[in-house]
Amino acid sequence: PPHSAQEAAGPRKVPVPRSAPAPRRPRHGKIAQRIVPYELRPLALRDELVELGDLFRAYQQRTEPDLAYLADLHTRKARAFATWAEITGDGCLRRDARRAEQAADAARLQHQQRTGQTPDGGRAAVARLLTGHVLWEHARTVLAHVADHAPLPGPQARLLTLVLTLRTAHTGSGNLVGQDVTALGLSEPEALVEQLTGCGWLVLPGTVGELLASRPENATPVTVPCLTPRQDAAGPFTFGRKTRPKLSGWAQKVISDKKLRKAKATAGARLLALTLATQCGSDGRIGPHGQGAGAGFAASRSAVAPGELQPLVDQLVAADWLAEAALDDTHLTGRLSERVLPLSCPLA
């Protein structure tokens, strides 16, 4: 008899049953050079450690710091490591937890100093003319640049160079009036300006006499060629056109401080005032952690020899700019007076 179609096709194949997929293992995690064990429980702790490791690595790739965020990361790490230590009894984890707490405190303190906040999160009583660490760093950068590149020796030339630099910092050009120069208390302002033009550092459209006679309604355009950005190279400063007048205004406030003028403070003393305003903590104490500024550093920034620094310190004390001042062979210690704290640019 004829075979059916099914018989012709042969015996029917029975499908092989699929095996159940193997359970997925939690993804590999690492934090602070430690491998997070797959078997670590509770899972919430393991997930937190893995996530923190990812967040710390991502933070390291940032181009700009966020100290408040970093402090929060360290706080979370301290809690997670403390729990991990309790579960495992690992003393090394406990020490890592304590170190994370210390790192959180340090980052939080830096954030408070840079933003002018008090430890309880409120605003500090000091309302600074320059707000925030970015502007404070720019101020330090300008002072350092002028100290390293002043074309003429001596504190009077340095002070005038600083004023001109701040007027022309963004493009290499700016406007100046006679009062900007004569208010500096220079012994021979006309001769100094002529020296700056004579060496090519400063370019004027007319004579020095015309510059000194100019008024706000007919300000003199001036150029500092070495500050003019070139196509093949950026200028020495990274701040923009809106920042330049803020820095210039801050320096002018310091230089023309009423008590400094009344005391007839020398150019060196005014340079020292600018230096100490940028080398103090948020409480006004001089130097990192209030440990003072190097005597050699303070003298060089004031464009004087180390042996000439004490008279400048005395002038600042007499003008109520500096208090509790003490100068020895290596350090200048003290603090800014309360009245000038608004002009300070605290160190991080």
C-alpha atoms as a PDB file:
ATOM      1  CA  PRO A   1       0.000   0.000   0.000  1.00  0.00           C
ATOM      2  CA  PRO A   2       1.179   3.522  -0.684  1.00  0.00           C
ATOM      3  CA  HIS A   3       2.916   5.337   2.137  1.00  0.00           C
ATOM      4  CA  SER A   4       1.369   8.452   3.514  1.00  0.00           C
ATOM      5  CA  ALA A   5       3.106  11.820   3.041  1.00  0.00           C
ATOM      6  CA  GLN A   6       4.028  11.870   6.721  1.00  0.00           C
ATOM      7  CA  GLU A   7       5.681   8.475   6.467  1.00  0.00           C
ATOM      8  CA  ALA A   8       7.557   9.609   3.362  1.00  0.00           C
ATOM      9  CA  ALA A   9       8.888  12.554   5.295  1.00  0.00           C
ATOM     10  CA  GLY A  10      10.386  10.280   7.907  1.00  0.00           C
ATOM     11  CA  PRO A  11       9.969  10.236  11.650  1.00  0.00           C
ATOM     12  CA  ARG A  12       9.103  13.543  13.320  1.00  0.00           C
ATOM     13  CA  LYS A  13      11.978  15.142  15.263  1.00  0.00           C
ATOM     14  CA  VAL A  14      11.359  16.041  18.844  1.00  0.00           C
ATOM     15  CA  PRO A  15      12.814  19.513  19.688  1.00  0.00           C
ATOM     16  CA  VAL A  16      15.609  19.535  22.219  1.00  0.00           C
ATOM     17  CA  PRO A  17      14.472  21.382  25.337  1.00  0.00           C
ATOM     18  CA  ARG A  18      16.327  24.627  25.942  1.00  0.00           C
ATOM     19  CA  SER A  19      18.404  24.853  29.048  1.00  0.00           C
ATOM     20  CA  ALA A  20      17.550  27.665  31.424  1.00  0.00           C
ATOM     21  CA  PRO A  21      19.933  30.641  31.051  1.00  0.00           C
ATOM     22  CA  ALA A  22      22.580  30.860  33.714  1.00  0.00           C
ATOM     23  CA  PRO A  23      21.882  33.618  36.201  1.00  0.00           C
ATOM     24  CA  ARG A  24      23.811  36.779  35.339  1.00  0.00           C
ATOM     25  CA  ARG A  25      26.543  37.659  37.768  1.00  0.00           C
ATOM     26  CA  PRO A  26      26.671  41.216  39.018  1.00  0.00           C
ATOM     27  CA  ARG A  27      29.021  43.325  36.953  1.00  0.00           C
ATOM     28  CA  HIS A  28      32.587  43.742  38.048  1.00  0.00           C
ATOM     29  CA  GLY A  29      33.177  46.668  40.404  1.00  0.00           C
ATOM     30  CA  LYS A  30      36.247  48.453  41.721  1.00  0.00           C
ATOM     31  CA  ILE A  31      36.747  51.357  44.111  1.00  0.00           C
ATOM     32  CA  ALA A  32      39.960  52.817  45.533  1.00  0.00           C
ATOM     33  CA  GLN A  33      42.064  49.964  44.113  1.00  0.00           C
ATOM     34  CA  ARG A  34      39.758  47.431  45.784  1.00  0.00           C
ATOM     35  CA  ILE A  35      37.696  44.829  43.957  1.00  0.00           C
ATOM     36  CA  VAL A  36      34.092  44.770  45.138  1.00  0.00           C
ATOM     37  CA  PRO A  37      33.356  41.043  45.717  1.00  0.00           C
ATOM     38  CA  TYR A  38      30.531  39.494  43.672  1.00  0.00           C
ATOM     39  CA  GLU A  39      29.216  37.757  46.756  1.00  0.00           C
ATOM     40  CA  LEU A  40      29.149  40.881  48.956  1.00  0.00           C
ATOM     41  CA  ARG A  41      25.808  41.329  50.663  1.00  0.00           C
ATOM     42  CA  PRO A  42      23.567  43.175  51.120  1.00  0.00           C
ATOM     43  CA  LEU A  43      23.244  43.956  47.435  1.00  0.00           C
ATOM     44  CA  ALA A  44      22.464  47.581  48.223  1.00  0.00           C
ATOM     45  CA  LEU A  45      25.951  47.964  49.713  1.00  0.00           C
ATOM     46  CA  ARG A  46      27.578  46.282  46.737  1.00  0.00           C
ATOM     47  CA  ASP A  47      25.659  48.483  44.305  1.00  0.00           C
ATOM     48  CA  GLU A  48      26.655  51.601  46.259  1.00  0.00           C
ATOM     49  CA  LEU A  49      30.348  50.667  46.193  1.00  0.00           C
ATOM     50  CA  VAL A  50      30.281  49.915  42.469  1.00  0.00           C
ATOM     51  CA  GLU A  51      28.462  53.164  41.720  1.00  0.00           C
ATOM     52  CA  LEU A  52      30.879  55.184  43.861  1.00  0.00           C
ATOM     53  CA  GLY A  53      33.825  53.686  42.012  1.00  0.00           C
ATOM     54  CA  ASP A  54      32.283  54.772  38.715  1.00  0.00           C
ATOM     55  CA  LEU A  55      31.534  58.264  40.042  1.00  0.00           C
ATOM     56  CA  PHE A  56      35.061  58.808  41.376  1.00  0.00           C
ATOM     57  CA  ARG A  57      36.551  57.744  38.047  1.00  0.00           C
ATOM     58  CA  ALA A  58      34.186  60.064  36.191  1.00  0.00           C
ATOM     59  CA  TYR A  59      35.125  62.926  38.522  1.00  0.00           C
ATOM     60  CA  GLN A  60      38.801  62.459  37.690  1.00  0.00           C
ATOM     61  CA  GLN A  61      37.976  63.154  34.044  1.00  0.00           C
ATOM     62  CA  ARG A  62      36.444  66.552  34.814  1.00  0.00           C
ATOM     63  CA  THR A  63      38.213  69.643  33.586  1.00  0.00           C
ATOM     64  CA  GLU A  64      36.901  71.809  36.445  1.00  0.00           C
ATOM     65  CA  PRO A  65      36.728  70.794  40.121  1.00  0.00           C
ATOM     66  CA  ASP A  66      33.456  70.686  42.052  1.00  0.00           C
ATOM     67  CA  LEU A  67      34.571  70.488  45.659  1.00  0.00           C
ATOM     68  CA  ALA A  68      31.073  70.326  47.138  1.00  0.00           C
ATOM     69  CA  TYR A  69      30.259  67.330  44.930  1.00  0.00           C
ATOM     70  CA  LEU A  70      33.618  65.721  45.760  1.00  0.00           C
ATOM     71  CA  ALA A  71      32.955  66.152  49.486  1.00  0.00           C
ATOM     72  CA  ASP A  72      29.607  64.373  49.077  1.00  0.00           C
ATOM     73  CA  LEU A  73      31.305  61.495  47.244  1.00  0.00           C
ATOM     74  CA  HIS A  74      33.844  61.089  50.044  1.00  0.00           C
ATOM     75  CA  THR A  75      31.059  61.173  52.641  1.00  0.00           C
ATOM     76  CA  ARG A  76      29.192  58.398  50.823  1.00  0.00           C
ATOM     77  CA  LYS A  77      32.419  56.428  50.526  1.00  0.00           C
ATOM     78  CA  ALA A  78      33.083  56.802  54.262  1.00  0.00           C
ATOM     79  CA  ARG A  79      29.621  55.421  55.106  1.00  0.00           C
ATOM     80  CA  ALA A  80      29.895  52.562  52.620  1.00  0.00           C
ATOM     81  CA  PHE A  81      33.381  51.546  53.760  1.00  0.00           C
ATOM     82  CA  ALA A  82      32.338  51.698  57.419  1.00  0.00           C
ATOM     83  CA  THR A  83      29.444  49.318  56.681  1.00  0.00           C
ATOM     84  CA  TRP A  84      31.727  47.066  54.660  1.00  0.00           C
ATOM     85  CA  ALA A  85      34.177  46.980  57.563  1.00  0.00           C
ATOM     86  CA  GLU A  86      31.410  46.027  60.009  1.00  0.00           C
ATOM     87  CA  ILE A  87      30.362  43.119  57.795  1.00  0.00           C
ATOM     88  CA  THR A  88      33.864  41.783  57.174  1.00  0.00           C
ATOM     89  CA  GLY A  89      35.693  42.860  60.318  1.00  0.00           C
ATOM     90  CA  ASP A  90      38.450  44.296  58.094  1.00  0.00           C
ATOM     91  CA  GLY A  91      40.488  46.911  59.965  1.00  0.00           C
ATOM     92  CA  CYS A  92      41.942  48.289  56.731  1.00  0.00           C
ATOM     93  CA  LEU A  93      38.438  49.156  55.559  1.00  0.00           C
ATOM     94  CA  ARG A  94      37.818  51.032  58.808  1.00  0.00           C
ATOM     95  CA  ARG A  95      40.969  53.079  58.256  1.00  0.00           C
ATOM     96  CA  ASP A  96      39.901  53.793  54.679  1.00  0.00           C
ATOM     97  CA  ALA A  97      36.522  54.948  55.998  1.00  0.00           C
ATOM     98  CA  ARG A  98      38.212  57.385  58.385  1.00  0.00           C
ATOM     99  CA  ARG A  99      40.451  58.682  55.614  1.00  0.00           C
ATOM    100  CA  ALA A 100      37.386  59.245  53.440  1.00  0.00           C
ATOM    101  CA  GLU A 101      35.790  61.265  56.256  1.00  0.00           C
ATOM    102  CA  GLN A 102      38.922  63.410  56.483  1.00  0.00           C
ATOM    103  CA  ALA A 103      38.965  63.886  52.705  1.00  0.00           C
ATOM    104  CA  ALA A 104      35.310  64.955  52.817  1.00  0.00           C
ATOM    105  CA  ASP A 105      36.047  67.509  55.546  1.00  0.00           C
ATOM    106  CA  ALA A 106      39.033  68.886  53.620  1.00  0.00           C
ATOM    107  CA  ALA A 107      37.097  69.213  50.352  1.00  0.00           C
ATOM    108  CA  ARG A 108      34.168  70.851  52.141  1.00  0.00           C
ATOM    109  CA  LEU A 109      36.474  73.353  53.858  1.00  0.00           C
ATOM    110  CA  GLN A 110      38.111  74.232  50.540  1.00  0.00           C
ATOM    111  CA  HIS A 111      34.691  74.756  49.008  1.00  0.00           C
ATOM    112  CA  GLN A 112      33.679  77.070  51.862  1.00  0.00           C
ATOM    113  CA  GLN A 113      36.884  79.079  51.535  1.00  0.00           C
ATOM    114  CA  ARG A 114      36.511  79.440  47.784  1.00  0.00           C
ATOM    115  CA  THR A 115      32.860  80.438  47.882  1.00  0.00           C
ATOM    116  CA  GLY A 116      32.957  82.532  51.047  1.00  0.00           C
ATOM    117  CA  GLN A 117      30.537  80.301  52.929  1.00  0.00           C
ATOM    118  CA  THR A 118      30.510  79.610  56.643  1.00  0.00           C
ATOM    119  CA  PRO A 119      30.644  76.001  57.929  1.00  0.00           C
ATOM    120  CA  ASP A 120      26.877  76.001  58.565  1.00  0.00           C
ATOM    121  CA  GLY A 121      26.251  76.799  54.903  1.00  0.00           C
ATOM    122  CA  GLY A 122      25.363  80.450  55.419  1.00  0.00           C
ATOM    123  CA  ARG A 123      27.107  83.353  53.794  1.00  0.00           C
ATOM    124  CA  ALA A 124      30.145  84.730  55.537  1.00  0.00           C
ATOM    125  CA  ALA A 125      30.050  88.219  56.957  1.00  0.00           C
ATOM    126  CA  VAL A 126      32.821  89.283  54.567  1.00  0.00           C
ATOM    127  CA  ALA A 127      31.458  90.574  51.266  1.00  0.00           C
ATOM    128  CA  ARG A 128      34.518  90.451  49.029  1.00  0.00           C
ATOM    129  CA  LEU A 129      35.018  92.747  46.076  1.00  0.00           C
ATOM    130  CA  LEU A 130      36.240  89.804  44.002  1.00  0.00           C
ATOM    131  CA  THR A 131      33.872  86.894  44.471  1.00  0.00           C
ATOM    132  CA  GLY A 132      34.960  83.297  44.097  1.00  0.00           C
ATOM    133  CA  HIS A 133      38.203  81.405  43.704  1.00  0.00           C
ATOM    134  CA  VAL A 134      38.363  81.850  39.924  1.00  0.00           C
ATOM    135  CA  LEU A 135      38.751  85.622  40.225  1.00  0.00           C
ATOM    136  CA  TRP A 136      41.147  85.197  43.146  1.00  0.00           C
ATOM    137  CA  GLU A 137      43.365  82.943  41.057  1.00  0.00           C
ATOM    138  CA  HIS A 138      43.282  85.426  38.187  1.00  0.00           C
ATOM    139  CA  ALA A 139      44.442  88.165  40.573  1.00  0.00           C
ATOM    140  CA  ARG A 140      47.357  85.999  41.705  1.00  0.00           C
ATOM    141  CA  THR A 141      48.202  85.212  38.076  1.00  0.00           C
ATOM    142  CA  VAL A 142      48.412  88.891  37.129  1.00  0.00           C
ATOM    143  CA  LEU A 143      50.639  89.738  40.110  1.00  0.00           C
ATOM    144  CA  ALA A 144      52.927  86.815  39.295  1.00  0.00           C
ATOM    145  CA  HIS A 145      53.133  87.806  35.628  1.00  0.00           C
ATOM    146  CA  VAL A 146      54.039  91.404  36.431  1.00  0.00           C
ATOM    147  CA  ALA A 147      56.658  90.265  38.962  1.00  0.00           C
ATOM    148  CA  ASP A 148      58.252  88.003  36.349  1.00  0.00           C
ATOM    149  CA  HIS A 149      58.000  90.318  33.333  1.00  0.00           C
ATOM    150  CA  ALA A 150      58.301  93.900  34.596  1.00  0.00           C
ATOM    151  CA  PRO A 151      60.515  95.718  32.070  1.00  0.00           C
ATOM    152  CA  LEU A 152      62.128  98.039  34.634  1.00  0.00           C
ATOM    153  CA  PRO A 153      63.491  97.474  38.155  1.00  0.00           C
ATOM    154  CA  GLY A 154      62.200  99.038  41.343  1.00  0.00           C
ATOM    155  CA  PRO A 155      58.835  99.215  43.120  1.00  0.00           C
ATOM    156  CA  GLN A 156      57.613 102.396  41.404  1.00  0.00           C
ATOM    157  CA  ALA A 157      58.151 100.953  37.938  1.00  0.00           C
ATOM    158  CA  ARG A 158      56.560  97.673  39.077  1.00  0.00           C
ATOM    159  CA  LEU A 159      53.467  99.438  40.402  1.00  0.00           C
ATOM    160  CA  LEU A 160      53.010 101.451  37.214  1.00  0.00           C
ATOM    161  CA  THR A 161      53.554  98.308  35.133  1.00  0.00           C
ATOM    162  CA  LEU A 162      50.843  96.540  37.119  1.00  0.00           C
ATOM    163  CA  VAL A 163      48.319  99.324  36.528  1.00  0.00           C
ATOM    164  CA  LEU A 164      49.081  99.399  32.808  1.00  0.00           C
ATOM    165  CA  THR A 165      48.930  95.605  32.574  1.00  0.00           C
ATOM    166  CA  LEU A 166      45.489  95.512  34.139  1.00  0.00           C
ATOM    167  CA  ARG A 167      44.253  98.250  31.802  1.00  0.00           C
ATOM    168  CA  THR A 168      45.431  96.390  28.692  1.00  0.00           C
ATOM    169  CA  ALA A 169      45.406  92.734  29.776  1.00  0.00           C
ATOM    170  CA  HIS A 170      42.698  91.380  27.478  1.00  0.00           C
ATOM    171  CA  THR A 171      43.691  92.786  24.083  1.00  0.00           C
ATOM    172  CA  GLY A 172      46.957  94.607  24.712  1.00  0.00           C
ATOM    173  CA  SER A 173      45.194  97.960  24.393  1.00  0.00           C
ATOM    174  CA  GLY A 174      43.235 100.170  26.756  1.00  0.00           C
ATOM    175  CA  ASN A 175      42.491 103.715  27.840  1.00  0.00           C
ATOM    176  CA  LEU A 176      44.389 105.714  30.436  1.00  0.00           C
ATOM    177  CA  VAL A 177      43.997 109.168  31.962  1.00  0.00           C
ATOM    178  CA  GLY A 178      46.537 111.286  33.769  1.00  0.00           C
ATOM    179  CA  GLN A 179      44.940 110.645  37.162  1.00  0.00           C
ATOM    180  CA  ASP A 180      45.611 106.910  36.768  1.00  0.00           C
ATOM    181  CA  VAL A 181      49.330 107.654  36.841  1.00  0.00           C
ATOM    182  CA  THR A 182      49.575 110.672  39.131  1.00  0.00           C
ATOM    183  CA  ALA A 183      47.466 108.999  41.847  1.00  0.00           C
ATOM    184  CA  LEU A 184      50.128 106.333  42.327  1.00  0.00           C
ATOM    185  CA  GLY A 185      52.354 108.695  44.286  1.00  0.00           C
ATOM    186  CA  LEU A 186      55.341 108.176  41.997  1.00  0.00           C
ATOM    187  CA  SER A 187      58.290 110.486  42.528  1.00  0.00           C
ATOM    188  CA  GLU A 188      58.864 111.060  38.796  1.00  0.00           C
ATOM    189  CA  PRO A 189      55.855 109.748  36.870  1.00  0.00           C
ATOM    190  CA  GLU A 190      56.775 111.433  33.587  1.00  0.00           C
ATOM    191  CA  ALA A 191      60.275 109.962  33.608  1.00  0.00           C
ATOM    192  CA  LEU A 192      58.949 106.478  34.361  1.00  0.00           C
ATOM    193  CA  VAL A 193      56.441 106.577  31.525  1.00  0.00           C
ATOM    194  CA  GLU A 194      59.178 107.784  29.179  1.00  0.00           C
ATOM    195  CA  GLN A 195      61.359 104.846  30.215  1.00  0.00           C
ATOM    196  CA  LEU A 196      58.526 102.427  29.471  1.00  0.00           C
ATOM    197  CA  THR A 197      57.957 103.943  26.044  1.00  0.00           C
ATOM    198  CA  GLY A 198      61.687 104.185  25.423  1.00  0.00           C
ATOM    199  CA  CYS A 199      62.216 100.447  25.921  1.00  0.00           C
ATOM    200  CA  GLY A 200      59.237  99.638  23.694  1.00  0.00           C
ATOM    201  CA  TRP A 201      57.096  98.092  26.414  1.00  0.00           C
ATOM    202  CA  LEU A 202      54.472 100.865  26.156  1.00  0.00           C
ATOM    203  CA  VAL A 203      53.235 102.634  23.033  1.00  0.00           C
ATOM    204  CA  LEU A 204      51.477 106.019  23.189  1.00  0.00           C
ATOM    205  CA  PRO A 205      49.772 107.902  20.352  1.00  0.00           C
ATOM    206  CA  GLY A 206      51.270 111.195  21.524  1.00  0.00           C
ATOM    207  CA  THR A 207      53.602 112.556  24.169  1.00  0.00           C
ATOM    208  CA  VAL A 208      53.899 111.594  27.814  1.00  0.00           C
ATOM    209  CA  GLY A 209      52.825 115.104  28.748  1.00  0.00           C
ATOM    210  CA  GLU A 210      49.604 114.672  26.786  1.00  0.00           C
ATOM    211  CA  LEU A 211      48.933 111.409  28.608  1.00  0.00           C
ATOM    212  CA  LEU A 212      49.425 112.983  32.037  1.00  0.00           C
ATOM    213  CA  ALA A 213      47.161 115.890  31.086  1.00  0.00           C
ATOM    214  CA  SER A 214      44.375 113.701  29.693  1.00  0.00           C
ATOM    215  CA  ARG A 215      41.021 113.511  31.450  1.00  0.00           C
ATOM    216  CA  PRO A 216      38.159 110.968  31.336  1.00  0.00           C
ATOM    217  CA  GLU A 217      36.442 112.820  28.506  1.00  0.00           C
ATOM    218  CA  ASN A 218      39.581 112.535  26.345  1.00  0.00           C
ATOM    219  CA  ALA A 219      41.300 109.392  27.633  1.00  0.00           C
ATOM    220  CA  THR A 220      44.545 108.331  25.976  1.00  0.00           C
ATOM    221  CA  PRO A 221      44.566 104.980  24.131  1.00  0.00           C
ATOM    222  CA  VAL A 222      47.675 103.019  25.115  1.00  0.00           C
ATOM    223  CA  THR A 223      49.136  99.754  23.849  1.00  0.00           C
ATOM    224  CA  VAL A 224      51.353  97.152  25.497  1.00  0.00           C
ATOM    225  CA  PRO A 225      52.641  95.057  22.568  1.00  0.00           C
ATOM    226  CA  CYS A 226      53.737  92.072  24.661  1.00  0.00           C
ATOM    227  CA  LEU A 227      50.148  91.643  25.887  1.00  0.00           C
ATOM    228  CA  THR A 228      48.619  91.713  22.420  1.00  0.00           C
ATOM    229  CA  PRO A 229      47.437  88.206  21.440  1.00  0.00           C
ATOM    230  CA  ARG A 230      49.013  86.841  18.271  1.00  0.00           C
ATOM    231  CA  GLN A 231      47.468  84.444  15.794  1.00  0.00           C
ATOM    232  CA  ASP A 232      50.041  81.775  16.601  1.00  0.00           C
ATOM    233  CA  ALA A 233      49.906  82.204  20.379  1.00  0.00           C
ATOM    234  CA  ALA A 234      47.431  83.214  23.040  1.00  0.00           C
ATOM    235  CA  GLY A 235      48.084  86.078  25.408  1.00  0.00           C
ATOM    236  CA  PRO A 236      49.486  85.469  28.901  1.00  0.00           C
ATOM    237  CA  PHE A 237      46.062  85.608  30.575  1.00  0.00           C
ATOM    238  CA  THR A 238      43.032  83.368  30.176  1.00  0.00           C
ATOM    239  CA  PHE A 239      40.343  85.660  31.568  1.00  0.00           C
ATOM    240  CA  GLY A 240      37.909  87.478  29.309  1.00  0.00           C
ATOM    241  CA  ARG A 241      36.968  91.071  28.694  1.00  0.00           C
ATOM    242  CA  LYS A 242      34.382  91.145  31.493  1.00  0.00           C
ATOM    243  CA  THR A 243      36.890  89.945  34.079  1.00  0.00           C
ATOM    244  CA  ARG A 244      39.627  92.454  33.267  1.00  0.00           C
ATOM    245  CA  PRO A 245      37.804  95.538  34.659  1.00  0.00           C
ATOM    246  CA  LYS A 246      36.928  93.608  37.820  1.00  0.00           C
ATOM    247  CA  LEU A 247      40.587  92.827  38.445  1.00  0.00           C
ATOM    248  CA  SER A 248      41.637  96.352  37.550  1.00  0.00           C
ATOM    249  CA  GLY A 249      39.032  97.811  39.892  1.00  0.00           C
ATOM    250  CA  TRP A 250      40.157  95.532  42.712  1.00  0.00           C
ATOM    251  CA  ALA A 251      43.813  96.527  42.319  1.00  0.00           C
ATOM    252  CA  GLN A 252      42.840 100.192  42.165  1.00  0.00           C
ATOM    253  CA  LYS A 253      40.899  99.829  45.428  1.00  0.00           C
ATOM    254  CA  VAL A 254      43.953  98.388  47.142  1.00  0.00           C
ATOM    255  CA  ILE A 255      46.458 100.844  45.695  1.00  0.00           C
ATOM    256  CA  SER A 256      44.294 103.889  46.421  1.00  0.00           C
ATOM    257  CA  ASP A 257      43.159 102.761  49.876  1.00  0.00           C
ATOM    258  CA  LYS A 258      42.399 105.888  51.884  1.00  0.00           C
ATOM    259  CA  LYS A 259      44.603 105.009  54.850  1.00  0.00           C
ATOM    260  CA  LEU A 260      47.490 103.986  52.617  1.00  0.00           C
ATOM    261  CA  ARG A 261      47.248 107.331  50.844  1.00  0.00           C
ATOM    262  CA  LYS A 262      46.978 109.228  54.120  1.00  0.00           C
ATOM    263  CA  ALA A 263      50.057 107.436  55.427  1.00  0.00           C
ATOM    264  CA  LYS A 264      51.820 108.224  52.128  1.00  0.00           C
ATOM    265  CA  ALA A 265      52.614 104.554  51.682  1.00  0.00           C
ATOM    266  CA  THR A 266      55.389 103.920  49.203  1.00  0.00           C
ATOM    267  CA  ALA A 267      54.985 101.952  45.996  1.00  0.00           C
ATOM    268  CA  GLY A 268      56.689  99.000  47.682  1.00  0.00           C
ATOM    269  CA  ALA A 269      54.192  99.066  50.549  1.00  0.00           C
ATOM    270  CA  ARG A 270      51.274  99.108  48.114  1.00  0.00           C
ATOM    271  CA  LEU A 271      52.744  96.173  46.224  1.00  0.00           C
ATOM    272  CA  LEU A 272      53.099  94.337  49.529  1.00  0.00           C
ATOM    273  CA  ALA A 273      49.466  95.152  50.335  1.00  0.00           C
ATOM    274  CA  LEU A 274      48.395  93.586  47.035  1.00  0.00           C
ATOM    275  CA  THR A 275      50.597  90.563  47.669  1.00  0.00           C
ATOM    276  CA  LEU A 276      49.302  89.901  51.170  1.00  0.00           C
ATOM    277  CA  ALA A 277      45.703  90.366  50.034  1.00  0.00           C
ATOM    278  CA  THR A 278      46.239  87.390  47.714  1.00  0.00           C
ATOM    279  CA  GLN A 279      48.321  85.302  50.129  1.00  0.00           C
ATOM    280  CA  CYS A 280      45.971  84.864  53.071  1.00  0.00           C
ATOM    281  CA  GLY A 281      43.274  82.533  54.306  1.00  0.00           C
ATOM    282  CA  SER A 282      39.594  83.342  54.531  1.00  0.00           C
ATOM    283  CA  ASP A 283      40.199  84.645  58.067  1.00  0.00           C
ATOM    284  CA  GLY A 284      42.921  87.015  56.846  1.00  0.00           C
ATOM    285  CA  ARG A 285      45.829  85.049  58.310  1.00  0.00           C
ATOM    286  CA  ILE A 286      48.891  85.367  56.100  1.00  0.00           C
ATOM    287  CA  GLY A 287      50.097  82.321  54.204  1.00  0.00           C
ATOM    288  CA  PRO A 288      48.777  78.788  53.746  1.00  0.00           C
ATOM    289  CA  HIS A 289      47.048  77.669  56.950  1.00  0.00           C
ATOM    290  CA  GLY A 290      48.112  80.952  58.562  1.00  0.00           C
ATOM    291  CA  GLN A 291      51.758  79.897  58.644  1.00  0.00           C
ATOM    292  CA  GLY A 292      53.015  83.070  56.991  1.00  0.00           C
ATOM    293  CA  ALA A 293      54.460  84.054  53.641  1.00  0.00           C
ATOM    294  CA  GLY A 294      58.098  83.572  52.755  1.00  0.00           C
ATOM    295  CA  ALA A 295      60.092  86.700  53.517  1.00  0.00           C
ATOM    296  CA  GLY A 296      62.003  86.387  50.253  1.00  0.00           C
ATOM    297  CA  PHE A 297      58.776  85.934  48.319  1.00  0.00           C
ATOM    298  CA  ALA A 298      57.172  88.989  49.949  1.00  0.00           C
ATOM    299  CA  ALA A 299      60.249  91.101  49.240  1.00  0.00           C
ATOM    300  CA  SER A 300      60.521  90.027  45.598  1.00  0.00           C
ATOM    301  CA  ARG A 301      56.825  90.692  44.989  1.00  0.00           C
ATOM    302  CA  SER A 302      57.322  94.159  46.484  1.00  0.00           C
ATOM    303  CA  ALA A 303      60.343  94.754  44.215  1.00  0.00           C
ATOM    304  CA  VAL A 304      62.683  95.384  47.156  1.00  0.00           C
ATOM    305  CA  ALA A 305      65.644  93.622  48.722  1.00  0.00           C
ATOM    306  CA  PRO A 306      64.877  91.375  51.732  1.00  0.00           C
ATOM    307  CA  GLY A 307      66.519  93.885  54.057  1.00  0.00           C
ATOM    308  CA  GLU A 308      64.084  96.572  52.884  1.00  0.00           C
ATOM    309  CA  LEU A 309      60.951  94.598  53.732  1.00  0.00           C
ATOM    310  CA  GLN A 310      60.544  95.638  57.385  1.00  0.00           C
ATOM    311  CA  PRO A 311      59.811  99.328  56.619  1.00  0.00           C
ATOM    312  CA  LEU A 312      57.076  98.229  54.217  1.00  0.00           C
ATOM    313  CA  VAL A 313      55.539  96.024  56.905  1.00  0.00           C
ATOM    314  CA  ASP A 314      55.661  98.937  59.335  1.00  0.00           C
ATOM    315  CA  GLN A 315      53.820 101.141  56.840  1.00  0.00           C
ATOM    316  CA  LEU A 316      51.042  98.580  56.452  1.00  0.00           C
ATOM    317  CA  VAL A 317      50.698  98.219  60.212  1.00  0.00           C
ATOM    318  CA  ALA A 318      50.535 102.011  60.600  1.00  0.00           C
ATOM    319  CA  ALA A 319      47.839 102.173  57.917  1.00  0.00           C
ATOM    320  CA  ASP A 320      45.758  99.502  59.694  1.00  0.00           C
ATOM    321  CA  TRP A 321      46.222  97.130  56.784  1.00  0.00           C
ATOM    322  CA  LEU A 322      48.180  94.503  58.678  1.00  0.00           C
ATOM    323  CA  ALA A 323      47.940  93.377  62.311  1.00  0.00           C
ATOM    324  CA  GLU A 324      49.967  91.094  64.572  1.00  0.00           C
ATOM    325  CA  ALA A 325      52.806  91.347  62.064  1.00  0.00           C
ATOM    326  CA  ALA A 326      56.104  89.605  62.730  1.00  0.00           C
ATOM    327  CA  LEU A 327      59.004  89.380  60.300  1.00  0.00           C
ATOM    328  CA  ASP A 328      62.072  87.192  60.681  1.00  0.00           C
ATOM    329  CA  ASP A 329      64.701  85.947  58.262  1.00  0.00           C
ATOM    330  CA  THR A 330      62.371  83.401  56.677  1.00  0.00           C
ATOM    331  CA  HIS A 331      58.719  84.369  57.149  1.00  0.00           C
ATOM    332  CA  LEU A 332      56.278  87.224  57.457  1.00  0.00           C
ATOM    333  CA  THR A 333      53.315  86.329  59.659  1.00  0.00           C
ATOM    334  CA  GLY A 334      50.257  88.252  60.761  1.00  0.00           C
ATOM    335  CA  ARG A 335      46.753  88.886  59.516  1.00  0.00           C
ATOM    336  CA  LEU A 336      44.902  91.417  57.434  1.00  0.00           C
ATOM    337  CA  SER A 337      42.899  93.872  59.491  1.00  0.00           C
ATOM    338  CA  GLU A 338      39.137  93.478  59.508  1.00  0.00           C
ATOM    339  CA  ARG A 339      38.621  96.594  57.426  1.00  0.00           C
ATOM    340  CA  VAL A 340      40.507  95.213  54.409  1.00  0.00           C
ATOM    341  CA  LEU A 341      39.156  91.652  54.416  1.00  0.00           C
ATOM    342  CA  PRO A 342      36.695  92.591  51.623  1.00  0.00           C
ATOM    343  CA  LEU A 343      39.737  93.162  49.402  1.00  0.00           C
ATOM    344  CA  SER A 344      41.280  89.770  50.162  1.00  0.00           C
ATOM    345  CA  CYS A 345      41.567  86.860  47.733  1.00  0.00           C
ATOM    346  CA  PRO A 346      41.844  83.799  50.007  1.00  0.00           C
ATOM    347  CA  LEU A 347      44.076  80.882  49.209  1.00  0.00           C
ATOM    348  CA  ALA A 348      42.321  77.558  48.592  1.00  0.00           C
END
